[in-house]
Structure formats: C-alpha cells, structure tokens
Amino acid sequence: MTPALLCETVTGATMAELIAARNVVASAEMVDMVELRLDGVRDLDVAEALHGAALPVVATCRPVWDGGRFDGSEEERRGVLASALAHGAVYVDIEWQAGFDDLIRADSARVVVSSHDFTGVPRDLVTRTRAMRNTGAALIKIAVSAARLSDSLPLLDVAKGGDAVVVGMGDAGVPSRLLASRFGSRWTYAGDGVAPGQVPAARMVEEFRYRAVGAGTALYGVVGNNVMHSVSPAMHNAAFAAAGLDAVYVPLLAADFDDFLAFADGLSLAGASVTIPFKRDAFDASAESDELTRRVGAANTLRRTPDGWESTNTDLAGFLEPLDAEWGADVFGVPGPAGMRVSVLGAGGVARAAIVALTTRGAHVTVHARKVERARALAASLDVDAGPWPPMARSWDMLVNCTPLGSVSGPDSSPLPGGPFDGRFVYDLTYRRGASPLVLEAQRAGLSTIDGLPMLVAQAERQFEWWTGRRPASGVMRAAADVEAARGAGVTTSAVSGAAGVD
C-alpha cells in the first residue's frame, strides 16, 4: 500500500494573503503539497502565486457553479488554469463537467479531473468514475457528501485503480481523510475549516498519526452522535504512540448503529469505544459479553473476534476510580458509598453503569429523569428506586449527573439549576473546558465535586488494556486529555460554503 500524501489547502482574498498562507504551510513542514485556491483572489497573478513555492502546488480555480468563488467567464478560468500549468504547478485540478478537454489533453500527466457532489453519493458513481478516467487525465478526484459513515465506503472501490483522490466531505466523512492511506487515496486535504470535514494538518500528523497509518495498522474509533468533540482520540492515539503500537483511533459519527457496523466491516475495525446513544445497541450486537456488562445491559467498548463483536463496559471501573481516590483522601468523612443516599440523574447507558457500580458498593440509589417512565423502567431493571424530577431537598448525600447537560454539547445548561444543593458531594460525568454550571453551583454551596474527566481517563485506560493486553504508559492519557479539554476538545469542522467550502 502506497502511503497517501498530505496536501494543505490555502486561500486568500488577495495575493498577499494567498502567498503568506502558502509560505506558512511550507515553513510548518507538515505536508507534502499545497493546494492554492486561485478563485476568489481579487488581484490574481498566477505566475506570482506559483513563483518561489517551496512545496509542490496543486492549482485550483473553482467556479461558483462547483462550490467555488470564481464568477468570471469560463474562458477566463481556462486561462487561469493554463497559466498554472505553464508556471509549474505539479497538478491542475479541472472539473469533469467543465468541458476543458483540450486543456486536459495538452498536459494530461499534470491534470486531476474532479467531481464534487454536495448532496450525497452520486447514483452514477461507477459510470461517472469510468467517464472521468476516459478523459486521459493522470488522476481523478471524487468527493462525496457523507451524511453517514458508510457513505464513504464506495470510495474504496473508486480508489482501487491507484489513480484517484477520494474524499468524504462533512463530519461523517472525516475518517476518509484521516485514513486516506487505507482508502487507497493518492492524497487527502488538510486545512483549518477550508472545506467541510477538513482537519488542520498539525492535528492530522501529531494527534491522528496520519503518517503512521499503513496496511497493517489496527483501526479503532469512538462511535456516537457527538464524537467530533471527544477527547478520546487524543488519549488513545497518545497511548498507542507511547507504547510503540501500530494502531490509530478516529472519530466515527454514525447516523445509527447499523451505519457503524457497516463501516466497521468495510474498514475491518479492530475495536471501538461506544458513547451516546449506542451503548445498548453495542451490547445487543455483541456475540459475547462479560458478566458485569450483561448486568448493566449496555456496553461502552467493542473488540472484533473471529466469532463477532465482544463487548465490555469499562464505565463501571472508570466511575469508581475517581471516587475511591477521593475517599482515600478522606474528603467526605465516610469510608465509602455504603449506606449513602445517591441520586442519579439520567436513564441512559452511563446511568446504568453508575448505578451498578454504586450498588456493588452498598449505596442506596434513586434514579431521576425528566421522563419519569424511563427512570421507573431503569430503576425496576436494576432493583433500585425511582424518584421525582428534580430530586427533592434533603433527599441525597451524593448527586451523580449522567445527562449531557453541561458538556460541550450543552455547555450553558445544568440538570439542576438552582439546586437544591444540600447534600455532600456532586459527581458531574460531563467534561468540558472549565467547570460546568452544575459543578460551579455545587462548589458555591460548599459541596465537594468531581467532574467527568477523571472517569473518562480511567475508563479509557481500561479500554486500552482490554484491546492491547497492556496498561498504557502512566499519565499519558490524562496529559493528552488535559491538553484537549483546555483547548475546547474535538475535531471541529466547518460547513462553510463557497470558495472555502470545497477541497
């Protein structure tokens, strides 16, 4: 398998901006090529744009009708592309539907014929690919809009010819960029939100181990509906690197669990972390689970075996480890949760794990949810109590937030605005930059608190050990998580349209 090159896209409103951006990319020494977006540059001088370029240049002048900002005539645009060839671009990107056949034939070895579908995966993908190859261009480029993880899978067949650049645009298509070598793409595009789904080059290389992905690399990921803000990729990739393992971990934004399963089979994923809302689905899809996971009825970790998926739930140990650390420090003045009244907010997979963990330590647990019937169903299945929403005053010693309120998906929200905060301790399982509203209110009321980052790290360390058979290097996951949480966490992508909206 030939490693996919990395090409960073730059643009600018003026020549000064374009050249400055081009030079910054070259000085960073992260990528192999630079794509110069010549459309939208007010004072365009093609010769100047290419003169002195320290990296091989892919020249692109995208018209308005194909997601770009060039609004002149097609003859003018033809002149821009011809000039880019004349002044040394290693490749010039020409739209398949442009009709510039004479330009392609003039220097076919340096032409990429491209097709972008901003609505999904084209129904005529096979015939379109054949027609694009018949133009005689050295390379073809197929970019599709991925609403589902599995929308990128047809690109695997497109790239088998060895002459294709393939891209799944959008958040669900991010794995096609991070795993470009496994998709068989000649290169992929990096950028700071220049196109939907692009990831900055430094993150691709340093966090997502882009250069290390090869034919034998074990693939892992985190699957859920808010994974683009997850710190899990940073933690696991740092641990893989520290252990010298040939493995990589990426975000997997699945439309549903069947979508994940199809993608996992298509790319032969070795394992996955599972988050909201798929933990029950992961358990149901497992051929084998351990006893505690069966008791919880939800799984947060999968690994592939010859007989199918095997699942476990590291949330239990991950939940208890920060508590044990606090109790060991005698923060609460009690030896542990035995006999403690614990109110658990939420009725999802994390709540199930927290309840099982607490009951194994002898706590008296009451479940609270906005949908009271869900709280009652969960309580009945685990033989604990169900209570009203919100919990009544003086009804708990410990409060555990298992809802997403207060996380990066709802940073200004609290599951219990205004309290009551008359217990001893609040354990908020969300994590984000800074303290959540729930934690801040609890602290102001004089309560002891823990946020969700210690649990996230603890359960991730156990996932790593379950997958690899070894403990991660001490502190490496926590250090990576702290860095990500401090800067806001996650692969953030842009849905900007126009010249900045397409590779």
Protein backbone atom coordinates (compact mmCIF):
# COMPACT_ATOMS: atom_id res chain seq x y z
CA MET A 1 0.00 0.00 0.00
CA THR A 2 1.40 3.40 -1.02
CA PRO A 3 1.08 5.96 1.81
CA ALA A 4 -1.29 8.80 0.97
CA LEU A 5 0.33 12.20 0.70
CA LEU A 6 -0.97 15.18 2.65
CA CYS A 7 -1.99 18.35 0.81
CA GLU A 8 -2.95 21.51 2.70
CA THR A 9 -5.48 23.87 1.13
CA VAL A 10 -4.88 27.61 1.36
CA THR A 11 -6.82 30.56 0.02
CA GLY A 12 -6.92 34.32 0.36
CA ALA A 13 -8.82 37.37 -0.73
CA THR A 14 -5.63 38.98 -2.06
CA MET A 15 -2.32 37.80 -3.48
CA ALA A 16 -0.56 38.92 -0.32
CA GLU A 17 -2.85 36.73 1.80
CA LEU A 18 -2.52 33.75 -0.54
CA ILE A 19 1.29 33.86 -0.67
CA ALA A 20 1.56 34.42 3.07
CA ALA A 21 -0.64 31.39 3.72
CA ARG A 22 1.34 29.33 1.21
CA ASN A 23 4.61 30.21 2.93
CA VAL A 24 3.26 29.46 6.41
CA VAL A 25 2.26 25.99 5.25
CA ALA A 26 5.72 25.38 3.80
CA SER A 27 7.50 26.60 6.93
CA ALA A 28 5.45 24.29 9.18
CA GLU A 29 6.91 21.26 7.36
CA MET A 30 3.78 19.18 8.00
CA VAL A 31 2.55 18.45 4.47
CA ASP A 32 3.81 17.18 1.12
CA MET A 33 1.92 19.57 -1.16
CA VAL A 34 -0.11 22.74 -1.04
CA GLU A 35 -3.36 23.38 -2.88
CA LEU A 36 -3.59 27.01 -3.98
CA ARG A 37 -7.18 28.13 -4.33
CA LEU A 38 -6.89 30.77 -7.05
CA ASP A 39 -10.61 31.51 -7.17
CA GLY A 40 -11.68 34.46 -5.07
CA VAL A 41 -8.29 36.24 -5.19
CA ARG A 42 -9.10 39.81 -6.20
CA ASP A 43 -5.71 40.76 -7.65
CA LEU A 44 -4.79 37.32 -9.02
CA ASP A 45 -1.37 36.91 -10.61
CA VAL A 46 -0.89 33.20 -11.36
CA ALA A 47 2.83 33.47 -12.07
CA GLU A 48 3.42 35.22 -8.75
CA ALA A 49 1.26 32.70 -6.90
CA LEU A 50 3.50 29.85 -8.05
CA HIS A 51 6.84 31.64 -8.08
CA GLY A 52 9.12 30.54 -5.28
CA ALA A 53 6.73 27.94 -3.89
CA ALA A 54 8.68 25.67 -1.56
CA LEU A 55 6.18 22.81 -1.91
CA PRO A 56 4.65 21.16 -4.99
CA VAL A 57 1.48 23.07 -5.91
CA VAL A 58 -1.93 21.75 -6.85
CA ALA A 59 -3.61 24.73 -8.55
CA THR A 60 -7.39 25.03 -8.32
CA CYS A 61 -9.73 27.70 -9.65
CA ARG A 62 -13.16 26.54 -8.59
CA PRO A 63 -16.15 28.18 -10.31
CA VAL A 64 -19.26 29.30 -8.47
CA TRP A 65 -21.22 26.50 -10.13
CA ASP A 66 -18.97 23.92 -8.42
CA GLY A 67 -18.79 25.43 -4.94
CA GLY A 68 -16.05 28.00 -5.63
CA ARG A 69 -15.82 31.79 -5.88
CA PHE A 70 -14.66 32.35 -9.44
CA ASP A 71 -17.51 34.24 -11.13
CA GLY A 72 -15.81 35.23 -14.38
CA SER A 73 -16.26 33.58 -17.77
CA GLU A 74 -15.18 30.01 -18.43
CA GLU A 75 -12.66 31.28 -20.97
CA GLU A 76 -11.09 33.46 -18.31
CA ARG A 77 -10.95 30.50 -15.97
CA ARG A 78 -9.43 28.31 -18.68
CA GLY A 79 -6.71 30.93 -18.98
CA VAL A 80 -6.02 30.82 -15.24
CA LEU A 81 -5.63 27.02 -15.30
CA ALA A 82 -3.46 27.08 -18.44
CA SER A 83 -1.24 29.69 -16.81
CA ALA A 84 -0.90 27.49 -13.71
CA LEU A 85 0.34 24.63 -15.92
CA ALA A 86 2.73 26.96 -17.72
CA HIS A 87 4.20 28.28 -14.45
CA GLY A 88 4.98 24.94 -12.87
CA ALA A 89 2.00 23.60 -10.94
CA VAL A 90 2.62 19.91 -10.30
CA TYR A 91 -1.10 19.33 -10.87
CA VAL A 92 -4.02 21.44 -12.03
CA ASP A 93 -7.49 20.47 -10.83
CA ILE A 94 -10.10 20.66 -13.61
CA GLU A 95 -13.77 19.96 -13.06
CA TRP A 96 -15.05 16.95 -15.00
CA GLN A 97 -18.06 18.93 -16.23
CA ALA A 98 -16.04 21.96 -17.31
CA GLY A 99 -15.54 20.71 -20.85
CA PHE A 100 -11.87 21.71 -20.92
CA ASP A 101 -10.88 18.58 -22.89
CA ASP A 102 -8.25 20.41 -24.92
CA LEU A 103 -6.58 21.64 -21.70
CA ILE A 104 -6.56 18.10 -20.31
CA ARG A 105 -5.04 16.67 -23.50
CA ALA A 106 -2.39 19.39 -23.62
CA ASP A 107 -0.69 18.13 -20.44
CA SER A 108 -2.68 15.16 -19.16
CA ALA A 109 0.13 13.96 -16.88
CA ARG A 110 -0.39 17.02 -14.68
CA VAL A 111 -4.18 17.14 -14.63
CA VAL A 112 -6.58 15.98 -11.92
CA VAL A 113 -10.16 15.69 -13.19
CA SER A 114 -12.50 16.27 -10.27
CA SER A 115 -16.13 15.70 -9.33
CA HIS A 116 -17.84 17.08 -6.21
CA ASP A 117 -21.32 16.05 -5.10
CA PHE A 118 -22.63 18.34 -2.39
CA THR A 119 -25.90 16.44 -1.96
CA GLY A 120 -24.64 12.93 -1.20
CA VAL A 121 -23.17 10.00 -3.10
CA PRO A 122 -23.98 10.20 -6.83
CA ARG A 123 -26.09 7.35 -8.12
CA ASP A 124 -23.96 7.18 -11.24
CA LEU A 125 -20.70 6.89 -9.30
CA VAL A 126 -19.45 3.87 -11.26
CA THR A 127 -20.19 5.29 -14.71
CA ARG A 128 -19.01 8.74 -13.64
CA THR A 129 -15.70 7.30 -12.47
CA ARG A 130 -15.27 5.44 -15.76
CA ALA A 131 -16.04 8.56 -17.81
CA MET A 132 -13.57 10.63 -15.77
CA ARG A 133 -10.82 8.07 -16.36
CA ASN A 134 -11.62 8.12 -20.08
CA THR A 135 -10.63 11.79 -20.25
CA GLY A 136 -7.00 10.69 -20.13
CA ALA A 137 -6.14 12.77 -17.06
CA ALA A 138 -3.38 11.40 -14.85
CA LEU A 139 -5.61 11.37 -11.78
CA ILE A 140 -9.28 11.59 -10.91
CA LYS A 141 -10.75 13.08 -7.76
CA ILE A 142 -14.12 12.05 -6.33
CA ALA A 143 -15.57 14.00 -3.40
CA VAL A 144 -18.94 12.99 -1.97
CA SER A 145 -21.01 14.45 0.85
CA ALA A 146 -21.19 11.87 3.62
CA ALA A 147 -24.33 12.01 5.74
CA ARG A 148 -23.45 8.55 7.09
CA LEU A 149 -20.16 6.82 7.85
CA SER A 150 -21.00 4.18 5.26
CA ASP A 151 -21.41 6.83 2.54
CA SER A 152 -17.61 6.81 2.24
CA LEU A 153 -17.35 3.07 1.62
CA PRO A 154 -17.95 3.26 -2.17
CA LEU A 155 -14.77 5.35 -2.35
CA LEU A 156 -12.77 2.22 -1.51
CA ASP A 157 -13.66 0.75 -4.91
CA VAL A 158 -13.04 4.04 -6.71
CA ALA A 159 -9.51 4.19 -5.32
CA LYS A 160 -8.57 0.61 -6.23
CA GLY A 161 -7.25 1.83 -9.58
CA GLY A 162 -4.42 3.64 -7.80
CA ASP A 163 -5.09 6.84 -9.73
CA ALA A 164 -7.68 8.50 -7.51
CA VAL A 165 -8.01 11.09 -4.78
CA VAL A 166 -11.13 10.26 -2.76
CA VAL A 167 -12.78 12.37 -0.06
CA GLY A 168 -15.88 12.01 2.08
CA MET A 169 -16.90 15.58 2.89
CA GLY A 170 -18.53 16.56 6.18
CA ASP A 171 -18.14 15.26 9.73
CA ALA A 172 -19.25 11.72 8.87
CA GLY A 173 -16.58 11.69 6.16
CA VAL A 174 -13.68 12.67 8.45
CA PRO A 175 -12.39 9.05 8.66
CA SER A 176 -11.85 9.06 4.88
CA ARG A 177 -9.39 11.93 5.38
CA LEU A 178 -7.64 10.60 8.48
CA LEU A 179 -7.39 7.10 6.98
CA ALA A 180 -6.66 8.17 3.41
CA SER A 181 -3.94 5.53 3.03
CA ARG A 182 -6.40 2.78 3.95
CA PHE A 183 -8.91 4.17 1.47
CA GLY A 184 -6.25 3.97 -1.24
CA SER A 185 -6.32 7.70 -1.96
CA ARG A 186 -3.27 9.28 -3.59
CA TRP A 187 -3.53 12.15 -1.12
CA THR A 188 -6.01 13.91 1.09
CA TYR A 189 -6.58 17.53 2.05
CA ALA A 190 -5.86 19.22 5.35
CA GLY A 191 -6.95 22.71 6.32
CA ASP A 192 -8.37 24.87 9.04
CA GLY A 193 -12.02 24.53 8.07
CA VAL A 194 -11.35 25.43 4.42
CA ALA A 195 -13.77 22.66 3.41
CA PRO A 196 -16.40 20.69 5.35
CA GLY A 197 -14.66 17.97 7.32
CA GLN A 198 -11.11 19.24 6.87
CA VAL A 199 -8.79 18.84 9.85
CA PRO A 200 -5.71 21.05 10.42
CA ALA A 201 -2.52 19.41 9.19
CA ALA A 202 -0.81 19.55 12.59
CA ARG A 203 -3.67 17.62 14.19
CA MET A 204 -3.70 15.04 11.41
CA VAL A 205 0.02 14.37 11.82
CA GLU A 206 0.51 14.78 15.55
CA GLU A 207 -2.80 13.66 17.07
CA PHE A 208 -4.20 11.28 14.47
CA ARG A 209 -0.88 9.67 13.48
CA TYR A 210 -1.58 10.25 9.79
CA ARG A 211 1.95 9.31 8.70
CA ALA A 212 1.84 6.03 10.62
CA VAL A 213 -1.29 4.55 9.01
CA GLY A 214 -0.42 1.59 6.83
CA ALA A 215 -1.85 -1.67 5.56
CA GLY A 216 -1.30 -3.39 8.91
CA THR A 217 -2.41 -0.56 11.19
CA ALA A 218 -5.09 -1.63 13.66
CA LEU A 219 -8.06 0.72 13.39
CA TYR A 220 -10.09 1.89 16.39
CA GLY A 221 -12.55 4.72 16.94
CA VAL A 222 -15.20 6.31 19.10
CA VAL A 223 -18.76 5.93 17.79
CA GLY A 224 -21.64 8.16 18.85
CA ASN A 225 -23.59 11.25 17.85
CA ASN A 226 -21.33 13.90 19.42
CA VAL A 227 -17.89 12.39 18.82
CA MET A 228 -16.45 15.35 16.94
CA HIS A 229 -15.92 16.97 20.35
CA SER A 230 -14.46 13.87 22.01
CA VAL A 231 -11.04 13.90 23.69
CA SER A 232 -10.85 10.12 23.29
CA PRO A 233 -8.87 10.20 20.00
CA ALA A 234 -6.16 12.32 21.62
CA MET A 235 -5.94 9.98 24.61
CA HIS A 236 -5.82 6.71 22.71
CA ASN A 237 -3.52 7.90 19.95
CA ALA A 238 -1.10 9.26 22.54
CA ALA A 239 -1.18 5.91 24.34
CA PHE A 240 -0.65 3.96 21.09
CA ALA A 241 2.33 6.16 20.23
CA ALA A 242 3.86 5.83 23.71
CA ALA A 243 3.51 2.05 23.53
CA GLY A 244 5.00 1.86 20.04
CA LEU A 245 1.86 0.16 18.70
CA ASP A 246 0.81 0.25 15.05
CA ALA A 247 -2.72 1.48 15.74
CA VAL A 248 -4.82 4.60 15.23
CA TYR A 249 -8.08 5.87 16.71
CA VAL A 250 -10.52 8.21 14.93
CA PRO A 251 -13.97 9.80 15.50
CA LEU A 252 -16.87 7.87 13.96
CA LEU A 253 -20.01 9.99 13.62
CA ALA A 254 -22.62 7.33 12.87
CA ALA A 255 -26.18 8.00 11.75
CA ASP A 256 -27.28 4.82 13.54
CA PHE A 257 -25.63 1.67 14.83
CA ASP A 258 -26.17 -0.26 11.61
CA ASP A 259 -24.24 2.52 9.87
CA PHE A 260 -21.34 1.98 12.26
CA LEU A 261 -21.43 -1.80 11.80
CA ALA A 262 -21.31 -1.44 8.01
CA PHE A 263 -18.38 0.97 8.19
CA ALA A 264 -16.57 -1.18 10.76
CA ASP A 265 -16.84 -4.21 8.49
CA GLY A 266 -15.81 -2.25 5.41
CA LEU A 267 -12.62 -0.99 7.07
CA SER A 268 -12.05 -4.04 9.32
CA LEU A 269 -12.07 -2.02 12.55
CA ALA A 270 -10.36 -3.85 15.41
CA GLY A 271 -12.39 -2.16 18.15
CA ALA A 272 -14.42 0.84 19.21
CA SER A 273 -15.38 2.98 22.15
CA VAL A 274 -19.14 3.47 22.26
CA THR A 275 -20.93 6.53 23.58
CA ILE A 276 -24.37 8.18 23.48
CA PRO A 277 -26.74 6.88 22.15
CA PHE A 278 -25.39 3.47 21.11
CA LYS A 279 -24.39 1.64 24.31
CA ARG A 280 -27.46 -0.59 24.38
CA ASP A 281 -27.06 -1.23 20.63
CA ALA A 282 -23.43 -2.25 21.16
CA PHE A 283 -24.46 -4.72 23.84
CA ASP A 284 -27.22 -6.16 21.65
CA ALA A 285 -24.84 -6.53 18.69
CA SER A 286 -22.27 -8.46 20.75
CA ALA A 287 -21.69 -12.16 20.35
CA GLU A 288 -20.15 -12.26 23.83
CA SER A 289 -20.13 -10.02 26.92
CA ASP A 290 -18.75 -10.35 30.44
CA GLU A 291 -20.98 -10.77 33.49
CA LEU A 292 -20.91 -7.16 34.67
CA THR A 293 -21.69 -5.88 31.17
CA ARG A 294 -24.65 -8.26 30.98
CA ARG A 295 -25.84 -6.93 34.32
CA VAL A 296 -25.63 -3.35 33.08
CA GLY A 297 -27.22 -4.28 29.75
CA ALA A 298 -25.08 -1.70 27.94
CA ALA A 299 -21.53 -1.73 26.54
CA ASN A 300 -19.05 1.08 26.01
CA THR A 301 -16.28 -1.00 24.40
CA LEU A 302 -16.15 -3.44 21.49
CA ARG A 303 -13.42 -5.60 20.03
CA ARG A 304 -13.55 -7.79 16.95
CA THR A 305 -13.11 -11.55 17.34
CA PRO A 306 -13.37 -14.38 14.79
CA ASP A 307 -16.87 -15.06 16.16
CA GLY A 308 -18.10 -11.46 16.03
CA TRP A 309 -18.03 -8.46 18.36
CA GLU A 310 -17.15 -8.95 22.01
CA SER A 311 -18.20 -6.23 24.45
CA THR A 312 -17.36 -4.97 27.90
CA ASN A 313 -18.22 -1.93 29.99
CA THR A 314 -15.28 -0.03 31.41
CA ASP A 315 -17.58 2.73 32.68
CA LEU A 316 -18.04 0.84 35.97
CA ALA A 317 -14.38 0.79 36.95
CA GLY A 318 -13.88 4.22 35.41
CA PHE A 319 -16.73 5.62 37.50
CA LEU A 320 -15.45 4.19 40.77
CA GLU A 321 -11.75 5.01 40.43
CA PRO A 322 -12.07 8.81 40.99
CA LEU A 323 -14.43 8.17 43.91
CA ASP A 324 -12.01 5.73 45.50
CA ALA A 325 -9.23 8.29 45.13
CA GLU A 326 -11.34 10.92 46.89
CA TRP A 327 -12.46 8.58 49.65
CA GLY A 328 -8.87 7.51 50.17
CA ALA A 329 -8.11 11.15 50.87
CA ASP A 330 -10.99 11.20 53.41
CA VAL A 331 -12.68 14.09 51.63
CA PHE A 332 -16.18 13.02 52.65
CA GLY A 333 -15.52 11.91 56.19
CA VAL A 334 -17.08 8.50 55.45
CA PRO A 335 -15.37 5.23 54.43
CA GLY A 336 -17.24 4.86 51.13
CA PRO A 337 -20.65 4.85 49.48
CA ALA A 338 -22.10 2.06 51.68
CA GLY A 339 -25.35 3.39 53.08
CA MET A 340 -25.05 6.68 51.18
CA ARG A 341 -28.16 8.07 49.51
CA VAL A 342 -27.23 8.65 45.88
CA SER A 343 -29.45 10.42 43.34
CA VAL A 344 -28.53 9.54 39.76
CA LEU A 345 -29.74 11.98 37.09
CA GLY A 346 -30.41 10.37 33.73
CA ALA A 347 -31.56 6.99 32.46
CA GLY A 348 -29.11 6.13 29.67
CA GLY A 349 -26.17 3.78 29.35
CA VAL A 350 -23.83 5.75 31.62
CA ALA A 351 -26.53 5.93 34.30
CA ARG A 352 -26.95 2.15 34.16
CA ALA A 353 -23.20 1.64 34.66
CA ALA A 354 -23.06 4.17 37.52
CA ILE A 355 -26.00 2.53 39.29
CA VAL A 356 -24.48 -0.96 39.05
CA ALA A 357 -21.14 0.36 40.29
CA LEU A 358 -22.77 2.14 43.24
CA THR A 359 -24.96 -0.79 44.25
CA THR A 360 -21.95 -3.11 44.27
CA ARG A 361 -20.55 -0.76 46.95
CA GLY A 362 -23.76 -0.78 49.01
CA ALA A 363 -25.17 2.65 48.14
CA HIS A 364 -28.92 3.36 48.24
CA VAL A 365 -29.62 4.62 44.70
CA THR A 366 -32.57 6.60 43.38
CA VAL A 367 -32.95 7.29 39.64
CA HIS A 368 -34.31 10.61 38.39
CA ALA A 369 -35.11 11.53 34.77
CA ARG A 370 -37.21 14.17 33.06
CA LYS A 371 -39.17 11.31 31.51
CA VAL A 372 -40.36 9.67 34.72
CA GLU A 373 -41.35 6.46 32.94
CA ARG A 374 -37.73 5.97 31.80
CA ALA A 375 -36.49 6.43 35.35
CA ARG A 376 -39.01 3.89 36.61
CA ALA A 377 -38.09 1.35 33.92
CA LEU A 378 -34.38 1.68 34.64
CA ALA A 379 -34.90 1.51 38.39
CA ALA A 380 -37.04 -1.62 38.07
CA SER A 381 -34.47 -3.35 35.85
CA LEU A 382 -31.67 -2.75 38.38
CA ASP A 383 -33.74 -3.12 41.58
CA VAL A 384 -33.28 0.43 42.82
CA ASP A 385 -35.72 3.27 43.49
CA ALA A 386 -37.16 5.85 41.11
CA GLY A 387 -37.75 9.40 42.26
CA PRO A 388 -39.29 12.67 41.05
CA TRP A 389 -37.67 15.22 38.75
CA PRO A 390 -35.93 17.18 40.12
CA PRO A 391 -34.79 15.41 43.30
CA MET A 392 -36.39 16.74 46.47
CA ALA A 393 -34.50 18.77 49.05
CA ARG A 394 -32.54 16.81 51.67
CA SER A 395 -33.07 13.58 49.71
CA TRP A 396 -29.46 12.81 48.74
CA ASP A 397 -25.92 12.70 50.03
CA MET A 398 -24.36 12.29 46.59
CA LEU A 399 -25.68 13.57 43.27
CA VAL A 400 -24.41 11.98 40.03
CA ASN A 401 -25.14 13.73 36.73
CA CYS A 402 -25.37 11.22 33.87
CA THR A 403 -27.12 13.60 31.46
CA PRO A 404 -25.26 15.52 28.72
CA LEU A 405 -26.32 18.85 30.24
CA GLY A 406 -23.17 20.85 30.97
CA SER A 407 -20.99 19.07 28.39
CA VAL A 408 -19.62 20.59 25.17
CA SER A 409 -22.98 19.85 23.52
CA GLY A 410 -24.84 21.94 26.11
CA PRO A 411 -22.19 23.94 27.97
CA ASP A 412 -24.53 26.55 29.44
CA SER A 413 -27.07 24.09 30.79
CA SER A 414 -27.43 22.42 34.17
CA PRO A 415 -29.66 19.44 35.02
CA LEU A 416 -30.36 21.05 38.37
CA PRO A 417 -30.35 24.84 38.01
CA GLY A 418 -30.59 26.45 41.43
CA GLY A 419 -30.29 23.20 43.36
CA PRO A 420 -31.17 22.11 45.95
CA PHE A 421 -27.52 21.63 46.95
CA ASP A 422 -27.95 20.35 50.49
CA GLY A 423 -26.03 17.06 50.15
CA ARG A 424 -22.32 16.35 50.50
CA PHE A 425 -20.98 15.68 47.05
CA VAL A 426 -21.69 16.22 43.34
CA TYR A 427 -20.16 14.00 40.67
CA ASP A 428 -20.78 15.50 37.21
CA LEU A 429 -19.86 13.00 34.50
CA THR A 430 -19.72 15.66 31.78
CA TYR A 431 -16.41 17.19 30.77
CA ARG A 432 -15.62 20.45 29.02
CA ARG A 433 -13.34 23.46 29.16
CA GLY A 434 -13.75 24.85 32.64
CA ALA A 435 -16.23 23.81 35.32
CA SER A 436 -19.81 23.01 34.33
CA PRO A 437 -22.71 25.10 35.69
CA LEU A 438 -23.68 22.20 37.97
CA VAL A 439 -20.18 21.93 39.45
CA LEU A 440 -19.92 25.70 39.91
CA GLU A 441 -23.22 25.89 41.78
CA ALA A 442 -22.32 22.92 43.96
CA GLN A 443 -18.95 24.44 44.83
CA ARG A 444 -20.58 27.76 45.73
CA ALA A 445 -22.85 25.81 48.08
CA GLY A 446 -19.79 24.30 49.77
CA LEU A 447 -20.08 20.77 48.35
CA SER A 448 -17.18 18.58 47.23
CA THR A 449 -17.18 17.94 43.47
CA ILE A 450 -15.60 15.85 40.72
CA ASP A 451 -16.13 16.41 37.00
CA GLY A 452 -16.19 13.73 34.33
CA LEU A 453 -12.62 13.97 33.05
CA PRO A 454 -11.07 11.61 35.66
CA MET A 455 -13.73 8.99 34.85
CA LEU A 456 -13.18 9.46 31.11
CA VAL A 457 -9.45 8.84 31.52
CA ALA A 458 -9.92 5.87 33.86
CA GLN A 459 -12.37 4.07 31.58
CA ALA A 460 -10.20 4.81 28.53
CA GLU A 461 -7.16 3.29 30.24
CA ARG A 462 -9.14 0.11 30.78
CA GLN A 463 -10.31 0.08 27.17
CA PHE A 464 -6.71 0.35 26.02
CA GLU A 465 -5.69 -2.55 28.26
CA TRP A 466 -8.64 -4.70 27.11
CA TRP A 467 -7.72 -4.12 23.45
CA THR A 468 -3.95 -4.43 23.70
CA GLY A 469 -3.25 -6.60 26.74
CA ARG A 470 -1.08 -3.93 28.37
CA ARG A 471 -1.59 -0.90 30.55
CA PRO A 472 -0.98 2.48 28.92
CA ALA A 473 2.07 4.43 30.00
CA SER A 474 1.41 6.18 33.30
CA GLY A 475 -0.14 9.63 32.90
CA VAL A 476 -0.05 9.70 29.09
CA MET A 477 -3.81 9.60 28.62
CA ARG A 478 -4.51 12.16 31.33
CA ALA A 479 -1.93 14.55 29.87
CA ALA A 480 -3.50 14.26 26.41
CA ALA A 481 -7.00 14.73 27.84
CA ASP A 482 -5.95 17.84 29.77
CA VAL A 483 -4.50 19.42 26.62
CA GLU A 484 -7.63 18.68 24.59
CA ALA A 485 -10.06 19.79 27.28
CA ALA A 486 -8.12 23.03 27.79
CA ARG A 487 -8.42 23.96 24.13
CA GLY A 488 -12.08 23.04 23.77
CA ALA A 489 -11.77 19.41 22.63
CA GLY A 490 -12.51 17.71 19.44
CA VAL A 491 -12.29 17.70 15.69
CA THR A 492 -14.16 20.88 14.81
CA THR A 493 -15.19 21.18 11.19
CA SER A 494 -16.74 23.85 9.08
CA ALA A 495 -19.87 23.82 6.97
CA VAL A 496 -18.81 26.98 5.17
CA SER A 497 -19.89 27.10 1.54
CA GLY A 498 -18.44 28.97 -1.39
CA ALA A 499 -14.73 29.06 -2.15
CA ALA A 500 -13.90 27.87 1.34
CA GLY A 501 -16.46 25.09 1.13
CA VAL A 502 -14.81 22.55 -1.16
CA ASP A 503 -11.36 20.94 -1.36
